[in-house]
Amino acid sequence: MPPQKDWLDYVNAVVLLLTFGALFWYTIETRCLRRVAQGQLKPTIRLIRESHRQNKTAQDQLEISNKLITEAQRQNNAALEQYKISANQLTIAQQQNEASIMPVLVIFYTEGRLVLRNVGNGPAFHVAIKAHSGLKEDWNSFARITFWSQSKKKCWGLA
């Protein structure tokens, strides 16, 4: 005679059925999750590729920006050097201009007179000379002297 089933056998069968149902439900849910994950894989790969492309573009822009900054610094240094050269040329031009209009006075003795001759291009204004007689009181006295005119070939002596 077959063995008799007691209530534990029925409980065991119910637990086995519930476990089978849970495993079946888990398998279906896992399969759905796998399909969703596979569906997200292609867009994720596209996003990663786009991210790599954008990073490469950003690196290229950074390299170009660095080259532009380097060129701007070079041009700035060249402009500064040009400014220094221009300032130096301006100083030289001012000195040459002043020298070209500056009077050049030459003192010589002719016909018993001391003559002061302007051989420069500019007028010799406010020309004065100390009288020198050898006496101490004469050291502070001044005599106005005119100069030899280059254009009129005329000589003015002591005033």
C-alpha atoms as a PDB file:
ATOM      1  CA  MET A   1       0.000   0.000   0.000  1.00  0.00           C
ATOM      2  CA  PRO A   2       1.229   3.429  -0.859  1.00  0.00           C
ATOM      3  CA  PRO A   3       2.269   5.603   2.017  1.00  0.00           C
ATOM      4  CA  GLN A   4      -0.296   8.011   3.240  1.00  0.00           C
ATOM      5  CA  LYS A   5       0.142  11.673   2.670  1.00  0.00           C
ATOM      6  CA  ASP A   6      -0.063  13.896   5.624  1.00  0.00           C
ATOM      7  CA  TRP A   7      -0.510  17.656   5.758  1.00  0.00           C
ATOM      8  CA  LEU A   8       3.239  18.295   5.602  1.00  0.00           C
ATOM      9  CA  ASP A   9       3.341  16.813   2.143  1.00  0.00           C
ATOM     10  CA  TYR A  10       0.673  19.265   1.039  1.00  0.00           C
ATOM     11  CA  VAL A  11       2.507  22.202   2.606  1.00  0.00           C
ATOM     12  CA  ASN A  12       5.689  21.066   0.907  1.00  0.00           C
ATOM     13  CA  ALA A  13       3.890  20.943  -2.472  1.00  0.00           C
ATOM     14  CA  VAL A  14       2.441  24.429  -1.952  1.00  0.00           C
ATOM     15  CA  VAL A  15       5.853  25.813  -0.992  1.00  0.00           C
ATOM     16  CA  LEU A  16       7.385  24.193  -4.070  1.00  0.00           C
ATOM     17  CA  LEU A  17       4.672  25.702  -6.286  1.00  0.00           C
ATOM     18  CA  LEU A  18       5.179  29.140  -4.724  1.00  0.00           C
ATOM     19  CA  THR A  19       8.943  28.832  -5.202  1.00  0.00           C
ATOM     20  CA  PHE A  20       8.425  27.804  -8.812  1.00  0.00           C
ATOM     21  CA  GLY A  21       6.057  30.775  -9.341  1.00  0.00           C
ATOM     22  CA  ALA A  22       8.582  33.172  -7.754  1.00  0.00           C
ATOM     23  CA  LEU A  23      11.366  31.790  -9.952  1.00  0.00           C
ATOM     24  CA  PHE A  24       9.167  32.089 -13.029  1.00  0.00           C
ATOM     25  CA  TRP A  25       8.205  35.690 -12.144  1.00  0.00           C
ATOM     26  CA  TYR A  26      11.896  36.528 -11.394  1.00  0.00           C
ATOM     27  CA  THR A  27      12.938  35.090 -14.762  1.00  0.00           C
ATOM     28  CA  ILE A  28      10.346  37.195 -16.607  1.00  0.00           C
ATOM     29  CA  GLU A  29      11.371  40.380 -14.742  1.00  0.00           C
ATOM     30  CA  THR A  30      15.068  39.694 -15.399  1.00  0.00           C
ATOM     31  CA  ARG A  31      14.353  39.135 -19.079  1.00  0.00           C
ATOM     32  CA  CYS A  32      12.462  42.482 -19.219  1.00  0.00           C
ATOM     33  CA  LEU A  33      15.339  44.262 -17.461  1.00  0.00           C
ATOM     34  CA  ARG A  34      17.805  42.737 -19.921  1.00  0.00           C
ATOM     35  CA  ARG A  35      15.724  43.939 -22.893  1.00  0.00           C
ATOM     36  CA  VAL A  36      15.543  47.466 -21.424  1.00  0.00           C
ATOM     37  CA  ALA A  37      19.304  47.467 -20.727  1.00  0.00           C
ATOM     38  CA  GLN A  38      20.025  46.262 -24.285  1.00  0.00           C
ATOM     39  CA  GLY A  39      17.743  48.992 -25.619  1.00  0.00           C
ATOM     40  CA  GLN A  40      19.724  51.589 -23.640  1.00  0.00           C
ATOM     41  CA  LEU A  41      23.084  50.256 -24.802  1.00  0.00           C
ATOM     42  CA  LYS A  42      23.013  51.736 -28.317  1.00  0.00           C
ATOM     43  CA  PRO A  43      22.013  55.256 -27.169  1.00  0.00           C
ATOM     44  CA  THR A  44      24.649  55.076 -24.424  1.00  0.00           C
ATOM     45  CA  ILE A  45      27.314  54.119 -26.975  1.00  0.00           C
ATOM     46  CA  ARG A  46      26.171  57.038 -29.186  1.00  0.00           C
ATOM     47  CA  LEU A  47      26.381  59.400 -26.186  1.00  0.00           C
ATOM     48  CA  ILE A  48      29.881  58.179 -25.316  1.00  0.00           C
ATOM     49  CA  ARG A  49      31.041  58.633 -28.918  1.00  0.00           C
ATOM     50  CA  GLU A  50      29.537  62.131 -29.005  1.00  0.00           C
ATOM     51  CA  SER A  51      31.246  62.911 -25.706  1.00  0.00           C
ATOM     52  CA  HIS A  52      34.590  61.782 -27.147  1.00  0.00           C
ATOM     53  CA  ARG A  53      33.991  63.907 -30.256  1.00  0.00           C
ATOM     54  CA  GLN A  54      33.166  66.961 -28.113  1.00  0.00           C
ATOM     55  CA  ASN A  55      36.266  66.389 -25.976  1.00  0.00           C
ATOM     56  CA  LYS A  56      38.412  66.215 -29.122  1.00  0.00           C
ATOM     57  CA  THR A  57      36.813  69.420 -30.430  1.00  0.00           C
ATOM     58  CA  ALA A  58      37.425  71.138 -27.081  1.00  0.00           C
ATOM     59  CA  GLN A  59      41.077  70.033 -27.141  1.00  0.00           C
ATOM     60  CA  ASP A  60      41.466  71.369 -30.689  1.00  0.00           C
ATOM     61  CA  GLN A  61      39.899  74.690 -29.639  1.00  0.00           C
ATOM     62  CA  LEU A  62      42.226  74.849 -26.646  1.00  0.00           C
ATOM     63  CA  GLU A  63      45.273  74.277 -28.864  1.00  0.00           C
ATOM     64  CA  ILE A  64      44.093  76.987 -31.257  1.00  0.00           C
ATOM     65  CA  SER A  65      43.448  79.346 -28.344  1.00  0.00           C
ATOM     66  CA  ASN A  66      46.932  78.683 -26.992  1.00  0.00           C
ATOM     67  CA  LYS A  67      48.414  79.414 -30.426  1.00  0.00           C
ATOM     68  CA  LEU A  68      46.372  82.631 -30.638  1.00  0.00           C
ATOM     69  CA  ILE A  69      47.494  83.692 -27.160  1.00  0.00           C
ATOM     70  CA  THR A  70      51.114  82.975 -28.050  1.00  0.00           C
ATOM     71  CA  GLU A  71      50.766  84.991 -31.270  1.00  0.00           C
ATOM     72  CA  ALA A  72      49.051  87.832 -29.399  1.00  0.00           C
ATOM     73  CA  GLN A  73      51.886  87.881 -26.852  1.00  0.00           C
ATOM     74  CA  ARG A  74      54.436  87.929 -29.687  1.00  0.00           C
ATOM     75  CA  GLN A  75      52.618  90.793 -31.378  1.00  0.00           C
ATOM     76  CA  ASN A  76      52.326  92.626 -28.066  1.00  0.00           C
ATOM     77  CA  ASN A  77      56.068  92.251 -27.491  1.00  0.00           C
ATOM     78  CA  ALA A  78      56.753  93.435 -31.045  1.00  0.00           C
ATOM     79  CA  ALA A  79      54.462  96.437 -30.532  1.00  0.00           C
ATOM     80  CA  LEU A  80      56.213  97.241 -27.260  1.00  0.00           C
ATOM     81  CA  GLU A  81      59.581  97.003 -29.009  1.00  0.00           C
ATOM     82  CA  GLN A  82      58.276  99.262 -31.788  1.00  0.00           C
ATOM     83  CA  TYR A  83      57.062 101.725 -29.168  1.00  0.00           C
ATOM     84  CA  LYS A  84      60.497 101.774 -27.524  1.00  0.00           C
ATOM     85  CA  ILE A  85      62.183 102.263 -30.907  1.00  0.00           C
ATOM     86  CA  SER A  86      59.709 105.027 -31.812  1.00  0.00           C
ATOM     87  CA  ALA A  87      60.274 106.748 -28.485  1.00  0.00           C
ATOM     88  CA  ASN A  88      64.035 106.527 -29.052  1.00  0.00           C
ATOM     89  CA  GLN A  89      63.651 107.860 -32.611  1.00  0.00           C
ATOM     90  CA  LEU A  90      61.489 110.702 -31.280  1.00  0.00           C
ATOM     91  CA  THR A  91      64.171 111.602 -28.738  1.00  0.00           C
ATOM     92  CA  ILE A  92      66.857 111.515 -31.436  1.00  0.00           C
ATOM     93  CA  ALA A  93      64.674 113.590 -33.788  1.00  0.00           C
ATOM     94  CA  GLN A  94      64.058 116.154 -31.039  1.00  0.00           C
ATOM     95  CA  GLN A  95      67.779 116.332 -30.330  1.00  0.00           C
ATOM     96  CA  GLN A  96      68.551 116.702 -34.026  1.00  0.00           C
ATOM     97  CA  ASN A  97      65.871 119.361 -34.371  1.00  0.00           C
ATOM     98  CA  GLU A  98      67.219 121.265 -31.395  1.00  0.00           C
ATOM     99  CA  ALA A  99      70.750 120.901 -32.719  1.00  0.00           C
ATOM    100  CA  SER A 100      69.703 122.134 -36.164  1.00  0.00           C
ATOM    101  CA  ILE A 101      68.263 125.369 -34.768  1.00  0.00           C
ATOM    102  CA  MET A 102      70.759 125.764 -31.966  1.00  0.00           C
ATOM    103  CA  PRO A 103      73.201 128.650 -32.278  1.00  0.00           C
ATOM    104  CA  VAL A 104      76.866 127.796 -32.490  1.00  0.00           C
ATOM    105  CA  LEU A 105      78.995 130.716 -31.371  1.00  0.00           C
ATOM    106  CA  VAL A 106      82.649 131.163 -32.247  1.00  0.00           C
ATOM    107  CA  ILE A 107      84.822 133.814 -30.602  1.00  0.00           C
ATOM    108  CA  PHE A 108      87.686 135.263 -32.601  1.00  0.00           C
ATOM    109  CA  TYR A 109      89.820 138.386 -32.569  1.00  0.00           C
ATOM    110  CA  THR A 110      89.981 140.601 -35.625  1.00  0.00           C
ATOM    111  CA  GLU A 111      90.980 144.207 -36.283  1.00  0.00           C
ATOM    112  CA  GLY A 112      91.677 144.777 -32.610  1.00  0.00           C
ATOM    113  CA  ARG A 113      88.202 143.660 -31.584  1.00  0.00           C
ATOM    114  CA  LEU A 114      86.866 140.522 -29.909  1.00  0.00           C
ATOM    115  CA  VAL A 115      84.091 139.162 -32.177  1.00  0.00           C
ATOM    116  CA  LEU A 116      81.491 136.545 -31.333  1.00  0.00           C
ATOM    117  CA  ARG A 117      80.232 134.868 -34.527  1.00  0.00           C
ATOM    118  CA  ASN A 118      77.119 132.684 -34.832  1.00  0.00           C
ATOM    119  CA  VAL A 119      77.935 129.827 -37.214  1.00  0.00           C
ATOM    120  CA  GLY A 120      74.861 127.783 -36.255  1.00  0.00           C
ATOM    121  CA  ASN A 121      71.387 127.802 -37.813  1.00  0.00           C
ATOM    122  CA  GLY A 122      69.467 129.290 -34.882  1.00  0.00           C
ATOM    123  CA  PRO A 123      69.468 132.759 -33.360  1.00  0.00           C
ATOM    124  CA  ALA A 124      71.695 133.413 -30.363  1.00  0.00           C
ATOM    125  CA  PHE A 125      69.415 135.283 -27.966  1.00  0.00           C
ATOM    126  CA  HIS A 126      70.499 136.635 -24.590  1.00  0.00           C
ATOM    127  CA  VAL A 127      74.204 136.218 -25.183  1.00  0.00           C
ATOM    128  CA  ALA A 128      76.304 137.675 -22.390  1.00  0.00           C
ATOM    129  CA  ILE A 129      79.964 137.475 -21.499  1.00  0.00           C
ATOM    130  CA  LYS A 130      81.792 138.321 -18.284  1.00  0.00           C
ATOM    131  CA  ALA A 131      84.213 141.151 -18.492  1.00  0.00           C
ATOM    132  CA  HIS A 132      87.629 139.973 -17.447  1.00  0.00           C
ATOM    133  CA  SER A 133      90.080 142.601 -16.393  1.00  0.00           C
ATOM    134  CA  GLY A 134      91.689 140.515 -13.724  1.00  0.00           C
ATOM    135  CA  LEU A 135      90.159 142.592 -10.909  1.00  0.00           C
ATOM    136  CA  LYS A 136      87.852 140.903  -8.435  1.00  0.00           C
ATOM    137  CA  GLU A 137      85.099 143.510  -8.774  1.00  0.00           C
ATOM    138  CA  ASP A 138      84.953 142.899 -12.547  1.00  0.00           C
ATOM    139  CA  TRP A 139      84.040 139.207 -12.188  1.00  0.00           C
ATOM    140  CA  ASN A 140      80.342 140.055 -11.613  1.00  0.00           C
ATOM    141  CA  SER A 141      79.896 142.531 -14.460  1.00  0.00           C
ATOM    142  CA  PHE A 142      78.452 141.459 -17.800  1.00  0.00           C
ATOM    143  CA  ALA A 143      78.681 143.059 -21.219  1.00  0.00           C
ATOM    144  CA  ARG A 144      76.070 142.392 -23.891  1.00  0.00           C
ATOM    145  CA  ILE A 145      77.683 141.104 -27.074  1.00  0.00           C
ATOM    146  CA  THR A 146      76.025 140.822 -30.434  1.00  0.00           C
ATOM    147  CA  PHE A 147      77.153 138.274 -32.956  1.00  0.00           C
ATOM    148  CA  TRP A 148      78.356 138.056 -36.538  1.00  0.00           C
ATOM    149  CA  SER A 149      75.394 137.583 -38.854  1.00  0.00           C
ATOM    150  CA  GLN A 150      75.983 134.738 -41.290  1.00  0.00           C
ATOM    151  CA  SER A 151      73.507 136.022 -43.861  1.00  0.00           C
ATOM    152  CA  LYS A 152      74.436 139.754 -43.794  1.00  0.00           C
ATOM    153  CA  LYS A 153      78.187 139.314 -43.319  1.00  0.00           C
ATOM    154  CA  LYS A 154      78.118 142.084 -40.765  1.00  0.00           C
ATOM    155  CA  CYS A 155      79.915 142.207 -37.460  1.00  0.00           C
ATOM    156  CA  TRP A 156      78.609 143.707 -34.271  1.00  0.00           C
ATOM    157  CA  GLY A 157      81.010 144.188 -31.421  1.00  0.00           C
ATOM    158  CA  LEU A 158      80.648 144.867 -27.728  1.00  0.00           C
ATOM    159  CA  ALA A 159      77.606 146.938 -26.765  1.00  0.00           C
END
